[in-house]
C-alpha atoms as a PDB file:
ATOM      1  CA  MET A   1      -0.052   0.002  -0.023  1.00  0.00           C
ATOM      2  CA  ARG A   2       2.891   2.410   0.983  1.00  0.00           C
ATOM      3  CA  ALA A   3       4.606   1.743  -2.417  1.00  0.00           C
ATOM      4  CA  ILE A   4       1.337   2.390  -4.215  1.00  0.00           C
ATOM      5  CA  GLU A   5       0.707   5.841  -2.486  1.00  0.00           C
ATOM      6  CA  GLU A   6       4.397   6.923  -2.996  1.00  0.00           C
ATOM      7  CA  THR A   7       3.877   6.304  -6.636  1.00  0.00           C
ATOM      8  CA  ALA A   8       0.572   8.109  -6.874  1.00  0.00           C
ATOM      9  CA  GLN A   9       2.148  11.103  -4.968  1.00  0.00           C
ATOM     10  CA  ALA A  10       5.238  11.333  -7.330  1.00  0.00           C
ATOM     11  CA  PRO A  11       4.954  14.207  -9.825  1.00  0.00           C
ATOM     12  CA  GLN A  12       3.634  13.234 -13.134  1.00  0.00           C
ATOM     13  CA  ARG A  13       6.399  13.546 -15.822  1.00  0.00           C
ATOM     14  CA  THR A  14       5.140  15.065 -19.157  1.00  0.00           C
ATOM     15  CA  LEU A  15       6.290  13.259 -22.060  1.00  0.00           C
ATOM     16  CA  THR A  16       7.602  15.622 -24.756  1.00  0.00           C
ATOM     17  CA  PRO A  17       7.300  14.922 -28.275  1.00  0.00           C
ATOM     18  CA  ALA A  18      10.313  13.709 -30.111  1.00  0.00           C
ATOM     19  CA  ARG A  19      12.516  16.491 -31.696  1.00  0.00           C
ATOM     20  CA  GLN A  20      12.208  16.471 -35.456  1.00  0.00           C
ATOM     21  CA  ASP A  21      15.375  16.379 -37.647  1.00  0.00           C
ATOM     22  CA  PRO A  22      15.941  19.619 -39.233  1.00  0.00           C
ATOM     23  CA  LEU A  23      17.737  17.768 -42.067  1.00  0.00           C
ATOM     24  CA  GLY A  24      14.917  15.668 -42.759  1.00  0.00           C
ATOM     25  CA  PRO A  25      14.690  11.820 -42.531  1.00  0.00           C
ATOM     26  CA  GLY A  26      18.193  10.443 -42.251  1.00  0.00           C
ATOM     27  CA  GLY A  27      19.774  13.753 -42.161  1.00  0.00           C
ATOM     28  CA  GLN A  28      21.726  12.927 -39.038  1.00  0.00           C
ATOM     29  CA  THR A  29      22.915   9.848 -40.696  1.00  0.00           C
ATOM     30  CA  MET A  30      24.215  11.575 -43.845  1.00  0.00           C
ATOM     31  CA  LEU A  31      25.962  14.217 -41.667  1.00  0.00           C
ATOM     32  CA  ARG A  32      27.581  11.565 -39.498  1.00  0.00           C
ATOM     33  CA  ARG A  33      28.862   9.751 -42.507  1.00  0.00           C
ATOM     34  CA  ALA A  34      30.236  13.017 -44.009  1.00  0.00           C
ATOM     35  CA  ILE A  35      32.053  13.639 -40.811  1.00  0.00           C
ATOM     36  CA  ILE A  36      33.236  10.166 -39.770  1.00  0.00           C
ATOM     37  CA  PRO A  37      35.339   8.127 -42.257  1.00  0.00           C
ATOM     38  CA  SER A  38      33.399   5.604 -44.273  1.00  0.00           C
ATOM     39  CA  ASN A  39      35.636   2.640 -43.049  1.00  0.00           C
ATOM     40  CA  VAL A  40      34.455   3.422 -39.501  1.00  0.00           C
ATOM     41  CA  LEU A  41      30.773   3.362 -40.473  1.00  0.00           C
ATOM     42  CA  SER A  42      30.959   0.534 -42.914  1.00  0.00           C
ATOM     43  CA  PRO A  43      30.663  -2.779 -41.252  1.00  0.00           C
ATOM     44  CA  PRO A  44      33.521  -5.355 -41.599  1.00  0.00           C
ATOM     45  CA  GLY A  45      33.430  -7.217 -44.897  1.00  0.00           C
ATOM     46  CA  LEU A  46      31.885  -4.178 -46.946  1.00  0.00           C
ATOM     47  CA  ARG A  47      34.111  -2.183 -49.329  1.00  0.00           C
ATOM     48  CA  ALA A  48      34.738   1.252 -47.969  1.00  0.00           C
ATOM     49  CA  ASN A  49      34.294   4.217 -50.367  1.00  0.00           C
ATOM     50  CA  PRO A  50      37.657   5.443 -51.823  1.00  0.00           C
ATOM     51  CA  PRO A  51      38.820   8.798 -50.437  1.00  0.00           C
ATOM     52  CA  MET A  52      38.384  11.772 -52.444  1.00  0.00           C
ATOM     53  CA  PRO A  53      41.651  12.803 -54.300  1.00  0.00           C
ATOM     54  CA  ALA A  54      43.303  16.100 -53.243  1.00  0.00           C
ATOM     55  CA  PRO A  55      42.928  18.898 -55.738  1.00  0.00           C
ATOM     56  CA  PRO A  56      46.216  19.447 -57.679  1.00  0.00           C
ATOM     57  CA  SER A  57      48.416  22.034 -56.471  1.00  0.00           C
ATOM     58  CA  VAL A  58      48.812  24.800 -58.898  1.00  0.00           C
ATOM     59  CA  ALA A  59      52.086  26.887 -58.823  1.00  0.00           C
ATOM     60  CA  ILE A  60      51.285  30.557 -58.904  1.00  0.00           C
ATOM     61  CA  ALA A  61      53.878  32.005 -61.296  1.00  0.00           C
ATOM     62  CA  GLY A  62      54.576  35.688 -61.445  1.00  0.00           C
ATOM     63  CA  PRO A  63      54.566  37.708 -64.648  1.00  0.00           C
ATOM     64  CA  PRO A  64      57.165  36.641 -67.153  1.00  0.00           C
ATOM     65  CA  ARG A  65      60.415  38.555 -67.177  1.00  0.00           C
ATOM     66  CA  PRO A  66      60.642  40.875 -70.207  1.00  0.00           C
ATOM     67  CA  GLN A  67      63.555  39.898 -72.527  1.00  0.00           C
ATOM     68  CA  PRO A  68      66.118  42.590 -73.018  1.00  0.00           C
ATOM     69  CA  LYS A  69      65.909  44.392 -76.193  1.00  0.00           C
ATOM     70  CA  LEU A  70      68.287  43.760 -78.959  1.00  0.00           C
ATOM     71  CA  LEU A  71      70.264  46.945 -78.784  1.00  0.00           C
ATOM     72  CA  ASP A  72      70.694  46.556 -74.979  1.00  0.00           C
ATOM     73  CA  ARG A  73      72.062  42.827 -75.696  1.00  0.00           C
ATOM     74  CA  LEU A  74      74.317  44.445 -78.370  1.00  0.00           C
ATOM     75  CA  ARG A  75      75.550  47.065 -75.952  1.00  0.00           C
ATOM     76  CA  GLU A  76      76.089  44.507 -73.192  1.00  0.00           C
ATOM     77  CA  ALA A  77      78.141  42.255 -75.630  1.00  0.00           C
ATOM     78  CA  LEU A  78      80.233  45.180 -76.648  1.00  0.00           C
ATOM     79  CA  ARG A  79      80.881  46.449 -73.063  1.00  0.00           C
ATOM     80  CA  SER A  80      81.820  42.984 -71.833  1.00  0.00           C
ATOM     81  CA  ARG A  81      84.442  42.770 -74.641  1.00  0.00           C
ATOM     82  CA  HIS A  82      85.906  46.155 -73.716  1.00  0.00           C
ATOM     83  CA  TYR A  83      84.945  48.025 -76.980  1.00  0.00           C
ATOM     84  CA  SER A  84      85.192  51.865 -76.640  1.00  0.00           C
ATOM     85  CA  PRO A  85      82.025  53.938 -76.275  1.00  0.00           C
ATOM     86  CA  ARG A  86      82.507  55.307 -79.611  1.00  0.00           C
ATOM     87  CA  THR A  87      82.376  51.999 -81.304  1.00  0.00           C
ATOM     88  CA  GLU A  88      79.516  51.023 -79.283  1.00  0.00           C
ATOM     89  CA  GLN A  89      77.557  54.085 -80.561  1.00  0.00           C
ATOM     90  CA  THR A  90      78.560  53.463 -84.031  1.00  0.00           C
ATOM     91  CA  TYR A  91      77.496  49.656 -84.125  1.00  0.00           C
ATOM     92  CA  CYS A  92      74.156  50.455 -82.538  1.00  0.00           C
ATOM     93  CA  HIS A  93      73.606  53.168 -85.295  1.00  0.00           C
ATOM     94  CA  TRP A  94      74.585  50.664 -88.077  1.00  0.00           C
ATOM     95  CA  VAL A  95      72.198  47.969 -86.685  1.00  0.00           C
ATOM     96  CA  LYS A  96      69.318  50.350 -86.455  1.00  0.00           C
ATOM     97  CA  ARG A  97      69.812  51.365 -90.011  1.00  0.00           C
ATOM     98  CA  PHE A  98      69.840  47.759 -91.129  1.00  0.00           C
ATOM     99  CA  ILE A  99      66.628  47.024 -89.348  1.00  0.00           C
ATOM    100  CA  PHE A 100      64.782  50.010 -90.778  1.00  0.00           C
ATOM    101  CA  PHE A 101      66.125  49.288 -94.228  1.00  0.00           C
ATOM    102  CA  HIS A 102      64.262  46.095 -94.149  1.00  0.00           C
ATOM    103  CA  HIS A 103      61.042  47.649 -92.877  1.00  0.00           C
ATOM    104  CA  VAL A 104      61.661  46.915 -89.136  1.00  0.00           C
ATOM    105  CA  ARG A 105      62.287  43.323 -89.280  1.00  0.00           C
ATOM    106  CA  HIS A 106      64.085  41.354 -86.613  1.00  0.00           C
ATOM    107  CA  PRO A 107      67.570  40.338 -87.616  1.00  0.00           C
ATOM    108  CA  ALA A 108      66.948  37.020 -86.413  1.00  0.00           C
ATOM    109  CA  GLU A 109      64.455  36.595 -89.185  1.00  0.00           C
ATOM    110  CA  MET A 110      66.961  37.789 -91.728  1.00  0.00           C
ATOM    111  CA  GLY A 111      70.300  36.463 -93.086  1.00  0.00           C
ATOM    112  CA  GLU A 112      72.953  36.616 -95.551  1.00  0.00           C
ATOM    113  CA  PRO A 113      70.820  37.951 -98.493  1.00  0.00           C
ATOM    114  CA  GLU A 114      69.481  40.864 -96.434  1.00  0.00           C
ATOM    115  CA  VAL A 115      72.997  41.780 -95.224  1.00  0.00           C
ATOM    116  CA  ASN A 116      74.068  41.602 -98.910  1.00  0.00           C
ATOM    117  CA  ALA A 117      71.281  43.811 -99.969  1.00  0.00           C
ATOM    118  CA  PHE A 118      71.904  46.407 -97.328  1.00  0.00           C
ATOM    119  CA  LEU A 119      75.517  46.776 -97.982  1.00  0.00           C
ATOM    120  CA  THR A 120      75.054  46.910-101.759  1.00  0.00           C
ATOM    121  CA  SER A 121      72.500  49.691-101.081  1.00  0.00           C
ATOM    122  CA  LEU A 122      75.115  51.672 -99.108  1.00  0.00           C
ATOM    123  CA  ALA A 123      77.571  51.465-101.981  1.00  0.00           C
ATOM    124  CA  MET A 124      75.062  52.165-104.838  1.00  0.00           C
ATOM    125  CA  LYS A 125      72.685  54.442-103.463  1.00  0.00           C
ATOM    126  CA  GLY A 126      74.196  55.755-100.345  1.00  0.00           C
ATOM    127  CA  LYS A 127      77.655  56.546-102.097  1.00  0.00           C
ATOM    128  CA  VAL A 128      79.373  55.766 -99.023  1.00  0.00           C
ATOM    129  CA  SER A 129      83.133  55.374 -98.676  1.00  0.00           C
ATOM    130  CA  ALA A 130      84.929  51.980 -98.616  1.00  0.00           C
ATOM    131  CA  SER A 131      85.653  52.528 -94.775  1.00  0.00           C
ATOM    132  CA  THR A 132      82.111  53.417 -93.979  1.00  0.00           C
ATOM    133  CA  GLN A 133      80.981  50.194 -95.704  1.00  0.00           C
ATOM    134  CA  ASN A 134      83.441  48.098 -93.940  1.00  0.00           C
ATOM    135  CA  GLN A 135      82.289  49.692 -90.737  1.00  0.00           C
ATOM    136  CA  ALA A 136      78.714  48.629 -91.342  1.00  0.00           C
ATOM    137  CA  LEU A 137      79.690  45.128 -92.103  1.00  0.00           C
ATOM    138  CA  SER A 138      81.804  44.873 -89.011  1.00  0.00           C
ATOM    139  CA  ALA A 139      78.732  45.903 -86.941  1.00  0.00           C
ATOM    140  CA  LEU A 140      76.488  43.365 -88.516  1.00  0.00           C
ATOM    141  CA  LEU A 141      79.079  40.447 -88.225  1.00  0.00           C
ATOM    142  CA  PHE A 142      79.410  41.375 -84.597  1.00  0.00           C
ATOM    143  CA  LEU A 143      75.682  41.487 -84.060  1.00  0.00           C
ATOM    144  CA  TYR A 144      75.142  37.811 -85.682  1.00  0.00           C
ATOM    145  CA  ARG A 145      78.105  36.233 -84.143  1.00  0.00           C
ATOM    146  CA  TYR A 146      77.847  37.468 -80.440  1.00  0.00           C
ATOM    147  CA  VAL A 147      74.439  38.589 -79.961  1.00  0.00           C
ATOM    148  CA  LEU A 148      72.350  36.276 -82.089  1.00  0.00           C
ATOM    149  CA  ASP A 149      74.761  33.331 -81.991  1.00  0.00           C
ATOM    150  CA  ARG A 150      74.418  32.794 -85.587  1.00  0.00           C
ATOM    151  CA  PRO A 151      77.649  33.703 -87.459  1.00  0.00           C
ATOM    152  CA  LEU A 152      77.063  34.781 -91.103  1.00  0.00           C
ATOM    153  CA  GLY A 153      78.268  32.661 -93.965  1.00  0.00           C
ATOM    154  CA  GLN A 154      79.158  33.675 -97.434  1.00  0.00           C
ATOM    155  CA  LEU A 155      77.529  36.908 -98.259  1.00  0.00           C
ATOM    156  CA  GLY A 156      77.692  36.352-102.092  1.00  0.00           C
ATOM    157  CA  GLU A 157      78.504  39.150-104.569  1.00  0.00           C
ATOM    158  CA  VAL A 158      78.459  42.415-102.474  1.00  0.00           C
ATOM    159  CA  VAL A 159      79.070  45.608-104.444  1.00  0.00           C
ATOM    160  CA  ARG A 160      81.978  47.050-102.723  1.00  0.00           C
ATOM    161  CA  ALA A 161      82.612  50.748-102.340  1.00  0.00           C
ATOM    162  CA  ARG A 162      85.583  52.075-104.144  1.00  0.00           C
ATOM    163  CA  LYS A 163      88.426  53.261-102.002  1.00  0.00           C
ATOM    164  CA  PRO A 164      89.744  56.568-103.419  1.00  0.00           C
ATOM    165  CA  HIS A 165      93.495  57.046-103.826  1.00  0.00           C
ATOM    166  CA  ARG A 166      94.231  60.398-102.568  1.00  0.00           C
ATOM    167  CA  LEU A 167      97.530  62.073-101.557  1.00  0.00           C
ATOM    168  CA  PRO A 168      97.841  62.911 -97.689  1.00  0.00           C
ATOM    169  CA  VAL A 169      97.629  66.463 -96.808  1.00  0.00           C
ATOM    170  CA  VAL A 170     100.820  67.373 -94.756  1.00  0.00           C
ATOM    171  CA  LEU A 171     101.844  70.744 -93.584  1.00  0.00           C
ATOM    172  CA  THR A 172     105.233  71.961 -94.420  1.00  0.00           C
ATOM    173  CA  ARG A 173     107.651  73.006 -91.731  1.00  0.00           C
ATOM    174  CA  GLN A 174     107.174  76.681 -92.238  1.00  0.00           C
ATOM    175  CA  GLU A 175     103.339  76.105 -91.690  1.00  0.00           C
ATOM    176  CA  VAL A 176     103.833  74.112 -88.606  1.00  0.00           C
ATOM    177  CA  ARG A 177     106.156  76.946 -87.417  1.00  0.00           C
ATOM    178  CA  ALA A 178     103.702  79.608 -88.113  1.00  0.00           C
ATOM    179  CA  VAL A 179     100.975  77.552 -86.107  1.00  0.00           C
ATOM    180  CA  LEU A 180     102.946  77.053 -83.091  1.00  0.00           C
ATOM    181  CA  SER A 181     104.399  80.705 -83.081  1.00  0.00           C
ATOM    182  CA  ARG A 182     100.850  81.787 -82.355  1.00  0.00           C
ATOM    183  CA  LEU A 183     100.342  79.579 -79.342  1.00  0.00           C
ATOM    184  CA  GLU A 184     101.433  80.109 -75.826  1.00  0.00           C
ATOM    185  CA  GLY A 185     101.878  78.412 -72.511  1.00  0.00           C
ATOM    186  CA  ASP A 186     100.261  74.979 -72.004  1.00  0.00           C
ATOM    187  CA  LYS A 187      98.615  75.272 -75.413  1.00  0.00           C
ATOM    188  CA  TRP A 188     101.988  75.468 -77.114  1.00  0.00           C
ATOM    189  CA  LEU A 189     103.412  72.657 -75.174  1.00  0.00           C
ATOM    190  CA  MET A 190     100.340  70.368 -75.981  1.00  0.00           C
ATOM    191  CA  ALA A 191     100.501  71.159 -79.627  1.00  0.00           C
ATOM    192  CA  SER A 192     104.280  70.545 -79.803  1.00  0.00           C
ATOM    193  CA  LEU A 193     103.922  67.151 -77.986  1.00  0.00           C
ATOM    194  CA  MET A 194     101.102  66.090 -80.379  1.00  0.00           C
ATOM    195  CA  TYR A 195     103.089  67.141 -83.339  1.00  0.00           C
ATOM    196  CA  GLY A 196     106.493  65.996 -82.287  1.00  0.00           C
ATOM    197  CA  ALA A 197     105.599  62.722 -80.509  1.00  0.00           C
ATOM    198  CA  GLY A 198     102.615  61.682 -82.682  1.00  0.00           C
ATOM    199  CA  LEU A 199     100.097  61.939 -79.719  1.00  0.00           C
ATOM    200  CA  ARG A 200      96.400  61.993 -80.141  1.00  0.00           C
ATOM    201  CA  LEU A 201      94.258  64.608 -78.243  1.00  0.00           C
ATOM    202  CA  ALA A 202      93.008  62.206 -75.755  1.00  0.00           C
ATOM    203  CA  GLU A 203      96.404  60.606 -75.216  1.00  0.00           C
ATOM    204  CA  CYS A 204      97.892  64.140 -74.749  1.00  0.00           C
ATOM    205  CA  LEU A 205      95.329  65.044 -72.075  1.00  0.00           C
ATOM    206  CA  ARG A 206      95.764  61.677 -70.197  1.00  0.00           C
ATOM    207  CA  LEU A 207      99.617  62.090 -69.798  1.00  0.00           C
ATOM    208  CA  ARG A 208     100.818  61.699 -66.207  1.00  0.00           C
ATOM    209  CA  VAL A 209     104.101  62.554 -64.632  1.00  0.00           C
ATOM    210  CA  GLN A 210     105.235  58.995 -64.304  1.00  0.00           C
ATOM    211  CA  ASP A 211     104.562  58.461 -68.052  1.00  0.00           C
ATOM    212  CA  VAL A 212     107.388  60.946 -69.047  1.00  0.00           C
ATOM    213  CA  ASP A 213     111.034  59.927 -68.831  1.00  0.00           C
ATOM    214  CA  LEU A 214     113.034  62.945 -69.250  1.00  0.00           C
ATOM    215  CA  GLU A 215     116.375  61.082 -68.912  1.00  0.00           C
ATOM    216  CA  ALA A 216     115.507  58.454 -71.535  1.00  0.00           C
ATOM    217  CA  ASN A 217     113.679  61.118 -73.913  1.00  0.00           C
ATOM    218  CA  GLN A 218     110.651  58.803 -74.190  1.00  0.00           C
ATOM    219  CA  ILE A 219     106.865  58.968 -73.325  1.00  0.00           C
ATOM    220  CA  LEU A 220     104.832  55.980 -72.309  1.00  0.00           C
ATOM    221  CA  VAL A 221     101.437  56.183 -73.942  1.00  0.00           C
ATOM    222  CA  ARG A 222      98.857  54.179 -71.880  1.00  0.00           C
ATOM    223  CA  ASP A 223      95.630  52.828 -73.089  1.00  0.00           C
ATOM    224  CA  GLY A 224      95.985  54.102 -76.581  1.00  0.00           C
ATOM    225  CA  LYS A 225      93.930  53.001 -79.706  1.00  0.00           C
ATOM    226  CA  GLY A 226      92.800  49.502 -79.169  1.00  0.00           C
ATOM    227  CA  PHE A 227      93.703  49.672 -75.374  1.00  0.00           C
ATOM    228  CA  LYS A 228      97.309  49.175 -76.207  1.00  0.00           C
ATOM    229  CA  ASP A 229     100.334  50.851 -74.581  1.00  0.00           C
ATOM    230  CA  ARG A 230     103.347  52.089 -76.677  1.00  0.00           C
ATOM    231  CA  ILE A 231     106.515  54.246 -76.216  1.00  0.00           C
ATOM    232  CA  THR A 232     107.235  57.268 -78.427  1.00  0.00           C
ATOM    233  CA  MET A 233     109.838  59.871 -78.551  1.00  0.00           C
ATOM    234  CA  LEU A 234     110.081  62.888 -76.245  1.00  0.00           C
ATOM    235  CA  PRO A 235     111.090  65.807 -78.590  1.00  0.00           C
ATOM    236  CA  GLU A 236     114.275  67.734 -77.416  1.00  0.00           C
ATOM    237  CA  ALA A 237     112.657  70.917 -77.949  1.00  0.00           C
ATOM    238  CA  VAL A 238     109.979  70.239 -75.635  1.00  0.00           C
ATOM    239  CA  LYS A 239     111.994  68.617 -73.045  1.00  0.00           C
ATOM    240  CA  ARG A 240     113.079  71.933 -71.070  1.00  0.00           C
ATOM    241  CA  PRO A 241     109.536  73.504 -71.356  1.00  0.00           C
ATOM    242  CA  LEU A 242     108.013  70.348 -70.090  1.00  0.00           C
ATOM    243  CA  ALA A 243     110.311  70.033 -67.217  1.00  0.00           C
ATOM    244  CA  ASP A 244     109.377  73.739 -66.203  1.00  0.00           C
ATOM    245  CA  HIS A 245     105.834  73.082 -66.463  1.00  0.00           C
ATOM    246  CA  LEU A 246     106.127  69.890 -64.337  1.00  0.00           C
ATOM    247  CA  GLU A 247     108.006  72.039 -61.562  1.00  0.00           C
ATOM    248  CA  ASP A 248     105.214  74.545 -61.692  1.00  0.00           C
ATOM    249  CA  VAL A 249     102.658  71.985 -60.982  1.00  0.00           C
ATOM    250  CA  LYS A 250     104.765  70.423 -58.298  1.00  0.00           C
ATOM    251  CA  ARG A 251     105.029  73.816 -56.536  1.00  0.00           C
ATOM    252  CA  ILE A 252     101.318  74.321 -56.631  1.00  0.00           C
ATOM    253  CA  HIS A 253     100.502  70.993 -55.097  1.00  0.00           C
ATOM    254  CA  LYS A 254     103.352  71.102 -52.669  1.00  0.00           C
ATOM    255  CA  ASP A 255     101.650  73.374 -50.123  1.00  0.00           C
ATOM    256  CA  VAL A 256      99.289  71.145 -47.808  1.00  0.00           C
ATOM    257  CA  LYS A 257      96.818  74.144 -47.423  1.00  0.00           C
ATOM    258  CA  THR A 258      96.260  74.317 -51.216  1.00  0.00           C
ATOM    259  CA  THR A 259      95.742  70.528 -51.427  1.00  0.00           C
ATOM    260  CA  MET A 260      93.264  70.879 -48.656  1.00  0.00           C
ATOM    261  CA  VAL A 261      91.500  73.655 -50.371  1.00  0.00           C
ATOM    262  CA  TYR A 262      91.278  71.631 -53.591  1.00  0.00           C
ATOM    263  CA  THR A 263      89.758  68.571 -51.619  1.00  0.00           C
ATOM    264  CA  HIS A 264      87.412  70.533 -49.619  1.00  0.00           C
ATOM    265  CA  VAL A 265      88.542  69.355 -46.014  1.00  0.00           C
ATOM    266  CA  LEU A 266      89.752  72.583 -44.561  1.00  0.00           C
ATOM    267  CA  ASN A 267      87.720  73.400 -41.559  1.00  0.00           C
ATOM    268  CA  ARG A 268      88.703  77.083 -41.130  1.00  0.00           C
ATOM    269  CA  GLY A 269      86.393  78.442 -43.696  1.00  0.00           C
ATOM    270  CA  GLY A 270      87.108  80.443 -46.866  1.00  0.00           C
ATOM    271  CA  ARG A 271      88.451  83.535 -44.835  1.00  0.00           C
ATOM    272  CA  GLY A 272      91.127  81.704 -43.209  1.00  0.00           C
ATOM    273  CA  VAL A 273      92.771  80.503 -46.560  1.00  0.00           C
ATOM    274  CA  ARG A 274      94.699  82.460 -49.132  1.00  0.00           C
ATOM    275  CA  SER A 275      94.017  81.375 -52.617  1.00  0.00           C
ATOM    276  CA  PRO A 276      96.973  80.172 -54.780  1.00  0.00           C
ATOM    277  CA  VAL A 277      96.068  82.762 -57.440  1.00  0.00           C
ATOM    278  CA  ASP A 278      96.505  85.682 -55.199  1.00  0.00           C
ATOM    279  CA  PRO A 279     100.263  85.939 -55.231  1.00  0.00           C
ATOM    280  CA  LEU A 280     100.151  86.009 -59.042  1.00  0.00           C
ATOM    281  CA  GLY A 281      99.200  89.654 -58.844  1.00  0.00           C
ATOM    282  CA  ALA A 282      96.332  91.705 -60.223  1.00  0.00           C
ATOM    283  CA  PRO A 283      94.529  90.927 -63.502  1.00  0.00           C
ATOM    284  CA  PRO A 284      95.742  92.706 -66.570  1.00  0.00           C
ATOM    285  CA  ALA A 285      94.211  96.041 -67.526  1.00  0.00           C
ATOM    286  CA  ALA A 286      90.935  96.033 -69.345  1.00  0.00           C
ATOM    287  CA  GLY A 287      91.341  95.728 -73.174  1.00  0.00           C
ATOM    288  CA  VAL A 288      90.254  93.864 -76.049  1.00  0.00           C
ATOM    289  CA  ILE A 289      90.947  90.161 -76.180  1.00  0.00           C
ATOM    290  CA  HIS A 290      92.549  88.765 -79.333  1.00  0.00           C
ATOM    291  CA  GLY A 291      92.951  85.005 -79.018  1.00  0.00           C
ATOM    292  CA  ASN A 292      95.162  84.431 -76.069  1.00  0.00           C
ATOM    293  CA  ARG A 293      96.416  88.056 -75.689  1.00  0.00           C
ATOM    294  CA  ILE A 294      94.793  91.116 -74.324  1.00  0.00           C
ATOM    295  CA  THR A 295      95.421  94.413 -76.226  1.00  0.00           C
ATOM    296  CA  PRO A 296      95.049  97.649 -74.194  1.00  0.00           C
ATOM    297  CA  GLN A 297      92.500 100.040 -75.347  1.00  0.00           C
END
């Protein structure tokens, strides 16, 4: 009886209806199969579904690097072989003329017949000299051999420009003496060295003290044409003026203060230094300048 009463006094539990699957009938089962591997859900003896293959990895490449232009490759090949800047400028000029002559076609698409036609046109229509035609040929030979890696073969019958036979124009001794007599100072010294030692203008300007041997009467020319060194004579008439000029230069650079002024390392300022031109005296009186001389008015 007591057990029956306790049962009757216990609170009645309300039965809640079963929760419906929001995924629909069998949705939980499908979700569970998607999360849990199939070999776990599959009973033994049944073949499991094969795993899905991984997507292939695609390498993301950046934009392709632009190839250097033809003339840039030509300049690089010339500089790597230590050609002079003047030769580089000349070769690029002839390569551009060759390209425009054939209506802006790339040289890789052309060969010996096109080179033959270009050189023949220079001689027939351009009326160029033989040295100019040889210069254009050298530029194209270099382009095909060292830039395009395709040396040219036989060019066939190329119309060659005629090389004129002319007598050289040589100044007489009286004419040379008349020219030198109108020069003074370092201008006379440079002209005398160029005429007497056979120096080019750039070679004369690059001369250093160590390149002049006054005892052996010779001059060492460095980095001449073709990057070659050579030894030439020192004219006897220039020996004494050149020695005096070197002594003047040595006297100017002997003073430490002057050197410090030139290199801008003096800390005392411009007022604390006397310029090396001050001891030379006042400038000449005002007048009319004729060449290197001043004529008073």
